[in-house]
Structure formats: C-alpha cells, structure tokens
Amino acid sequence: MKIQLYFMLLRDLVDIGLDIIPGTESSIKQFIELSRKWVDEMDMNDLDFEIHEIKRRMNFVDHCIITSGKNIIGVVKMTYSSFFSLGIDKSADHDTQREVFRLILKDIFYLRPAEIRTTLSSRFKPLFDEAGFRYQFGREKMVLTLDEATALSEVDSEELWFLEWKYFDAVVEMYIDSYRGTIDEKIGMFGEDIAESAIRQVSEGEFGKVVKELSVFYKDGDRLTSGIITSVNENQLFVVIIGTRRSEQGKGIGRKLLTYVITQGRKMGYKTLSLWVTTENISAKGLYTSMNFKSVVSVVSGTLTLQDYES
C-alpha cells in the first residue's frame, strides 16, 4: 500500500496550517510558552537562554506555529531535511494529528531531500509508524529526587579533580575514549567526529550553566579516566555528560561520580537531578534505575526516505 494512502482525504477533513514565526521578541516568547506547554521532551531552560538560542538558530531552523482554522494547536521545529520538538495540543483528535504529520512531510519533501530525520515524543509513535518511518533508537529522560536516591557508593572527595576548562583537550579525549564503540557513538549522539564541538557547546552554556562544584573527574597521574559534567536550569540539576574510559569500566566509577553529585547537590539545596539516556544502552539505564532515577519522558528517532514516501 502506498504511504500516501495514509494521508488520503485528510486535507478535506481538517484545515491545518504551518506558519514560521517572525523574529520579534513577542512571537519568540509565545513560541517558547507553547513549547513548554506541548513539547513533552523540552528541557526547562532559562527564558533568556531560550530566546537567545532561537534567535541564533533562525537562519537554519524554522520555528513554526501549527494552526487549525484560527486556533493555534501546536509547534514544531523544521530544517531542510528534519523536524523535531513537535508538540500538539493533547485535545486534538487523531485525524488532526495525522494531518499535521502529512503537512510537515509534504512541506519538507517539497525540497526533495533524500530522507527526513525526526525525533519525536513517544506519544507520536503510532503516527511515526503509520507514516513509514524506520526506527533507529530511543531516548529517555530520567529524573531523580535527591532525597530518594538509593544504592549510593562511598566517595573520597580528595581523589576527585574539579573541572577546569583550560584542560579542554584532555576532557574531550577522555570522553571520546569513553564512548568509543557504544550505541551512542553508533547513532551519532557522541563520538570523535563531534566530540570537540559538543564539549565546546557545554563549556559555552548551551545545556545550562555548568556547576563546576558538581563537575568532577578521576585521574590516573595526569590522565583523566572518568568524569561527569553537571549543569543547572531553573534550579534543577542536569547531567550533561558522564563517561569512563573503556579500560576502567565495570569498576563502579560511574556510580561514584553520580553519588558525589547527589550528596553534594543535596547539601547545596538542590532537589532533583535529571539526565537523558539512550534506551538501547542497557547498562547505563540499569545503573540509573538502581539509584532510583525514574523515566518521565521518552522519544523515538528515525528516518523516512523520499523513495518510500513516493513509492
């Protein structure tokens, strides 16, 4: 059955529109407000930071309001060959949601990219499947209430080295080794080709303000062997990245790093700690679950080729 049959006659059922927001302060603030309301996977960053990020990316990301008639029912971010951060009012019926999907795909494929990539909240998985997307991987946001942490480890803080960006290259090299051969490298989440730019973004605060008191590493002589970088958004702690060299894995070091952040974070007055984990990374997810992190949001990522769309 042709994929277009999935969209058949929907345009006659609902009147859906996609409108790129102008670059005014008020329209950007409205887009952020609606995203916080409808985009399940959105991390709650500082408002000024969100405004800055949208303005910075407007040249290559279309920030769109989704309308039904005169009503705004959703938001989405789109590029030449992808869409993400899709949020639709939960009161919208299934036909309306499918028509939103149809319109997004039609709009992007008009430019004839070889394929479309997307990352979506798992609540859109039925639409993802019906449209013919090929699943690649999932991601889950996990949250820990610090006072409810379990299975903590003993940590000698005198063994820890606190993050200093003047050792940027050493930090990058350690994380490259930590992620080599992992599912996260395979799917392009983190690897040698993007490591330097990714850690640079961390240092520049693109994932929240880095809390250096809670960003610590273990060393063997002058060589970093493992580390965790923690940021804060709206008074909530976030693990930006955690990793252990392959030669040191399986020794409980990741648990020690998390234990330090949890215990010191409590002393500093923080209440929660969150992170994202690839669903297929069974060992990492098992570690977080054992410490009482709870999965609160999940997303799916996949591709739809132009050939499949038109066949």
Protein backbone atom coordinates (compact mmCIF):
# COMPACT_ATOMS: atom_id res chain seq x y z
CA MET A 1 0.00 0.00 0.00
CA LYS A 2 1.37 3.39 -0.90
CA ILE A 3 2.33 5.59 2.02
CA GLN A 4 0.33 8.46 0.52
CA LEU A 5 -2.83 6.43 1.17
CA TYR A 6 -2.15 7.04 4.86
CA PHE A 7 -2.82 10.72 4.21
CA MET A 8 -5.68 10.22 1.79
CA LEU A 9 -8.58 12.70 2.02
CA LEU A 10 -7.27 14.16 5.30
CA ARG A 11 -6.85 17.61 3.77
CA ASP A 12 -10.61 17.70 3.34
CA LEU A 13 -11.25 16.83 6.98
CA VAL A 14 -9.24 19.48 8.78
CA ASP A 15 -7.78 22.88 7.87
CA ILE A 16 -4.19 22.79 9.13
CA GLY A 17 -1.53 25.45 8.60
CA LEU A 18 2.19 25.89 9.30
CA ASP A 19 3.41 29.43 9.92
CA ILE A 20 7.05 30.36 10.52
CA ILE A 21 7.25 32.79 13.42
CA PRO A 22 8.76 36.25 12.82
CA GLY A 23 11.86 37.21 14.76
CA THR A 24 10.07 39.55 17.16
CA GLU A 25 10.54 39.20 20.90
CA SER A 26 6.82 38.64 21.48
CA SER A 27 6.48 35.89 18.86
CA ILE A 28 9.56 34.10 20.17
CA LYS A 29 8.25 34.26 23.73
CA GLN A 30 4.90 32.89 22.57
CA PHE A 31 6.66 30.02 20.77
CA ILE A 32 8.62 29.16 23.94
CA GLU A 33 5.49 29.32 26.09
CA LEU A 34 3.60 26.98 23.76
CA SER A 35 6.60 24.63 23.51
CA ARG A 36 6.78 24.37 27.30
CA LYS A 37 3.10 23.51 27.29
CA TRP A 38 3.02 20.93 24.48
CA VAL A 39 6.54 19.56 23.74
CA ASP A 40 6.94 16.63 26.12
CA GLU A 41 10.73 16.32 25.77
CA MET A 42 11.54 20.01 26.20
CA ASP A 43 14.07 20.75 28.94
CA MET A 44 13.15 23.77 31.03
CA ASN A 45 15.90 26.30 30.37
CA ASP A 46 16.08 29.92 31.44
CA LEU A 47 13.78 32.10 29.29
CA ASP A 48 16.57 34.47 28.20
CA PHE A 49 18.65 31.46 27.18
CA GLU A 50 15.78 30.02 25.11
CA ILE A 51 15.23 33.37 23.37
CA HIS A 52 18.94 33.61 22.57
CA GLU A 53 19.02 30.06 21.16
CA ILE A 54 16.02 30.62 18.89
CA LYS A 55 17.48 33.86 17.52
CA ARG A 56 20.84 32.16 16.97
CA ARG A 57 19.28 29.29 15.02
CA MET A 58 16.70 31.15 12.96
CA ASN A 59 18.89 31.12 9.85
CA PHE A 60 18.80 27.33 9.62
CA VAL A 61 15.81 26.22 11.74
CA ASP A 62 12.22 27.21 11.02
CA HIS A 63 10.26 27.66 14.25
CA CYS A 64 6.64 27.06 13.24
CA ILE A 65 3.26 27.57 14.80
CA ILE A 66 0.69 24.93 13.82
CA THR A 67 -2.85 26.22 13.33
CA SER A 68 -6.28 24.69 12.84
CA GLY A 69 -8.53 27.34 11.43
CA LYS A 70 -7.96 30.36 13.64
CA ASN A 71 -6.66 28.36 16.60
CA ILE A 72 -3.07 27.55 17.47
CA ILE A 73 -2.82 23.82 18.20
CA GLY A 74 0.89 23.09 18.14
CA VAL A 75 4.52 23.94 17.45
CA VAL A 76 7.37 22.30 15.55
CA LYS A 77 10.98 23.00 14.52
CA MET A 78 11.96 22.17 10.94
CA THR A 79 15.09 22.18 8.78
CA TYR A 80 15.77 21.27 5.15
CA SER A 81 15.63 17.55 5.98
CA SER A 82 14.34 17.12 9.54
CA PHE A 83 11.72 18.07 12.07
CA PHE A 84 11.75 17.82 15.84
CA SER A 85 10.35 19.36 19.04
CA LEU A 86 6.84 18.63 17.80
CA GLY A 87 4.11 19.49 20.26
CA ILE A 88 0.38 19.23 19.61
CA ASP A 89 -2.45 20.15 21.95
CA LYS A 90 -3.45 16.88 23.62
CA SER A 91 -7.11 17.67 22.94
CA ALA A 92 -6.50 17.40 19.17
CA ASP A 93 -8.08 14.25 17.72
CA HIS A 94 -6.15 11.59 15.80
CA ASP A 95 -7.22 12.84 12.34
CA THR A 96 -5.95 16.31 13.20
CA GLN A 97 -2.62 14.94 14.39
CA ARG A 98 -2.26 12.87 11.21
CA GLU A 99 -2.97 15.92 9.06
CA VAL A 100 -0.25 17.83 10.93
CA PHE A 101 2.13 14.99 10.08
CA ARG A 102 1.04 15.00 6.44
CA LEU A 103 1.61 18.72 6.11
CA ILE A 104 5.06 18.63 7.73
CA LEU A 105 6.23 15.79 5.45
CA LYS A 106 4.79 17.44 2.36
CA ASP A 107 6.48 20.74 3.24
CA ILE A 108 9.94 19.21 3.78
CA PHE A 109 9.83 16.75 0.85
CA TYR A 110 8.88 19.63 -1.46
CA LEU A 111 12.62 20.46 -1.35
CA ARG A 112 13.47 16.87 -2.36
CA PRO A 113 15.88 15.77 0.42
CA ALA A 114 16.89 12.11 0.17
CA GLU A 115 15.32 11.44 3.56
CA ILE A 116 13.72 13.10 6.54
CA ARG A 117 15.05 12.58 10.05
CA THR A 118 12.95 13.12 13.13
CA THR A 119 13.00 12.79 16.90
CA LEU A 120 9.56 12.77 18.47
CA SER A 121 7.83 12.19 21.77
CA SER A 122 6.80 8.55 22.07
CA ARG A 123 3.16 9.63 22.18
CA PHE A 124 3.53 10.22 18.43
CA LYS A 125 4.91 6.71 17.82
CA PRO A 126 1.67 5.48 16.15
CA LEU A 127 1.93 8.34 13.61
CA PHE A 128 5.65 7.68 13.22
CA ASP A 129 4.91 4.04 12.35
CA GLU A 130 1.94 4.74 10.10
CA ALA A 131 3.92 7.27 8.07
CA GLY A 132 6.58 4.63 7.38
CA PHE A 133 9.48 5.95 9.46
CA ARG A 134 12.23 3.44 10.19
CA TYR A 135 13.05 3.33 13.89
CA GLN A 136 16.72 3.96 14.75
CA PHE A 137 16.86 4.45 18.52
CA GLY A 138 15.03 5.80 21.54
CA ARG A 139 16.00 8.21 24.30
CA GLU A 140 14.58 8.59 27.79
CA LYS A 141 14.70 11.45 30.24
CA MET A 142 15.18 10.15 33.77
CA VAL A 143 14.74 12.18 36.93
CA LEU A 144 15.92 11.50 40.47
CA THR A 145 14.58 13.14 43.61
CA LEU A 146 17.85 13.57 45.51
CA ASP A 147 16.37 12.66 48.89
CA GLU A 148 15.13 9.36 47.42
CA ALA A 149 18.45 8.20 45.93
CA THR A 150 19.39 4.56 46.58
CA ALA A 151 22.43 2.31 46.15
CA LEU A 152 24.92 5.11 46.68
CA SER A 153 28.65 4.41 46.78
CA GLU A 154 31.42 5.60 49.09
CA VAL A 155 33.37 8.52 47.65
CA ASP A 156 36.65 10.05 48.78
CA SER A 157 36.38 13.64 47.57
CA GLU A 158 40.14 14.10 47.89
CA GLU A 159 40.57 11.75 44.93
CA LEU A 160 38.48 13.97 42.67
CA TRP A 161 39.64 16.67 40.26
CA PHE A 162 37.29 19.58 39.58
CA LEU A 163 36.58 20.71 36.04
CA GLU A 164 38.89 23.37 34.61
CA TRP A 165 38.27 24.39 31.00
CA LYS A 166 41.95 25.11 30.43
CA TYR A 167 42.25 21.31 30.19
CA PHE A 168 39.59 21.24 27.47
CA ASP A 169 41.54 18.92 25.15
CA ALA A 170 42.11 16.35 27.91
CA VAL A 171 38.39 16.36 28.75
CA VAL A 172 37.46 15.82 25.10
CA GLU A 173 39.97 12.99 24.67
CA MET A 174 38.71 11.17 27.76
CA TYR A 175 35.07 11.31 26.62
CA ILE A 176 35.98 10.14 23.10
CA ASP A 177 37.58 7.04 24.60
CA SER A 178 34.63 6.53 26.96
CA TYR A 179 32.05 6.47 24.15
CA ARG A 180 34.07 4.58 21.53
CA GLY A 181 32.17 1.51 20.36
CA THR A 182 28.99 2.38 22.27
CA ILE A 183 25.45 2.69 20.97
CA ASP A 184 25.73 6.46 21.46
CA GLU A 185 28.67 6.61 19.05
CA LYS A 186 26.86 4.36 16.58
CA ILE A 187 23.79 6.60 16.43
CA GLY A 188 25.83 9.82 16.30
CA MET A 189 24.85 11.04 19.76
CA PHE A 190 28.51 11.41 20.77
CA GLY A 191 31.72 10.37 19.07
CA GLU A 192 35.09 11.50 17.83
CA ASP A 193 33.68 13.46 14.90
CA ILE A 194 31.51 15.71 17.07
CA ALA A 195 33.21 15.49 20.47
CA GLU A 196 35.10 18.78 20.33
CA SER A 197 32.11 20.83 19.15
CA ALA A 198 29.79 19.10 21.66
CA ILE A 199 32.04 19.78 24.65
CA ARG A 200 32.58 23.33 23.36
CA GLN A 201 28.80 23.81 23.45
CA VAL A 202 28.78 22.51 27.02
CA SER A 203 31.50 24.97 28.03
CA GLU A 204 29.54 27.82 26.45
CA GLY A 205 26.42 27.00 28.46
CA GLU A 206 24.22 25.59 25.71
CA PHE A 207 22.99 22.89 28.12
CA GLY A 208 22.64 25.21 31.09
CA LYS A 209 25.17 26.88 33.34
CA VAL A 210 27.89 24.38 34.26
CA VAL A 211 28.16 23.82 38.02
CA LYS A 212 31.91 23.33 38.49
CA GLU A 213 31.46 22.20 42.10
CA LEU A 214 29.46 19.26 40.72
CA SER A 215 31.57 18.57 37.61
CA VAL A 216 34.30 16.20 38.75
CA PHE A 217 36.79 13.70 37.34
CA TYR A 218 39.02 10.87 38.40
CA LYS A 219 42.65 10.89 37.25
CA ASP A 220 45.46 8.39 36.92
CA GLY A 221 48.54 10.56 37.11
CA ASP A 222 47.96 13.31 34.53
CA ARG A 223 45.43 11.26 32.59
CA LEU A 224 41.69 11.70 33.10
CA THR A 225 39.96 8.35 33.48
CA SER A 226 36.32 9.32 34.07
CA GLY A 227 34.14 12.32 34.69
CA ILE A 228 30.74 13.94 35.00
CA ILE A 229 29.72 17.44 33.93
CA THR A 230 26.64 18.87 35.64
CA SER A 231 24.66 21.98 34.75
CA VAL A 232 21.70 23.78 36.29
CA ASN A 233 18.48 25.04 34.69
CA GLU A 234 15.78 26.77 36.72
CA ASN A 235 17.34 25.40 39.92
CA GLN A 236 17.26 21.80 38.64
CA LEU A 237 20.49 19.83 38.20
CA PHE A 238 21.17 18.12 34.87
CA VAL A 239 23.87 15.59 33.96
CA VAL A 240 25.16 16.91 30.64
CA ILE A 241 27.63 14.06 30.12
CA ILE A 242 29.12 11.21 32.13
CA GLY A 243 31.73 8.73 30.96
CA THR A 244 34.50 6.32 31.96
CA ARG A 245 37.41 5.15 29.85
CA ARG A 246 36.90 1.68 28.41
CA SER A 247 39.85 0.34 30.44
CA GLU A 248 38.18 1.49 33.68
CA GLN A 249 34.60 0.45 33.01
CA GLY A 250 32.89 -2.11 35.22
CA LYS A 251 34.55 -0.83 38.40
CA GLY A 252 31.64 1.19 39.77
CA ILE A 253 33.17 4.56 38.90
CA GLY A 254 30.02 5.91 37.27
CA ARG A 255 28.09 5.20 40.47
CA LYS A 256 30.75 7.07 42.48
CA LEU A 257 30.52 10.12 40.21
CA LEU A 258 26.74 10.18 40.48
CA THR A 259 26.92 9.66 44.24
CA TYR A 260 29.15 12.70 44.61
CA VAL A 261 26.78 14.89 42.57
CA ILE A 262 23.76 13.61 44.53
CA THR A 263 25.23 14.09 48.01
CA GLN A 264 26.83 17.45 47.28
CA GLY A 265 23.80 18.62 45.33
CA ARG A 266 21.61 17.95 48.37
CA LYS A 267 23.98 20.00 50.53
CA MET A 268 23.76 22.86 48.04
CA GLY A 269 19.95 22.85 48.29
CA TYR A 270 19.04 21.18 45.00
CA LYS A 271 16.07 18.81 44.92
CA THR A 272 16.30 16.91 41.63
CA LEU A 273 18.84 15.57 39.14
CA SER A 274 17.91 14.65 35.56
CA LEU A 275 19.65 13.13 32.56
CA TRP A 276 18.99 11.63 29.13
CA VAL A 277 19.91 8.03 28.30
CA THR A 278 19.70 6.05 25.07
CA THR A 279 17.03 3.38 25.54
CA GLU A 280 19.25 0.71 23.99
CA ASN A 281 22.11 1.50 26.43
CA ILE A 282 21.02 -1.22 28.83
CA SER A 283 23.96 -0.98 31.24
CA ALA A 284 23.68 2.79 31.71
CA LYS A 285 19.91 2.64 32.15
CA GLY A 286 20.37 -0.17 34.68
CA LEU A 287 22.77 1.96 36.70
CA TYR A 288 20.38 4.90 36.80
CA THR A 289 17.40 2.72 37.66
CA SER A 290 19.31 1.11 40.53
CA MET A 291 19.89 4.57 42.00
CA ASN A 292 16.15 5.32 41.77
CA PHE A 293 16.07 7.51 38.66
CA LYS A 294 12.60 7.36 37.09
CA SER A 295 11.83 7.59 33.37
CA VAL A 296 9.49 10.54 32.80
CA VAL A 297 9.69 11.19 29.04
CA SER A 298 10.75 9.10 26.06
CA VAL A 299 11.39 9.91 22.41
CA VAL A 300 11.88 7.90 19.23
CA SER A 301 14.21 8.75 16.35
CA GLY A 302 14.04 7.52 12.79
CA THR A 303 14.14 8.25 9.07
CA LEU A 304 11.75 8.27 6.14
CA THR A 305 13.28 8.17 2.66
CA LEU A 306 11.93 10.13 -0.29
CA GLN A 307 11.72 6.84 -2.18
CA ASP A 308 9.49 5.28 0.48
CA TYR A 309 7.40 8.45 0.68
CA GLU A 310 6.75 8.44 -3.07
CA SER A 311 6.50 4.68 -3.66
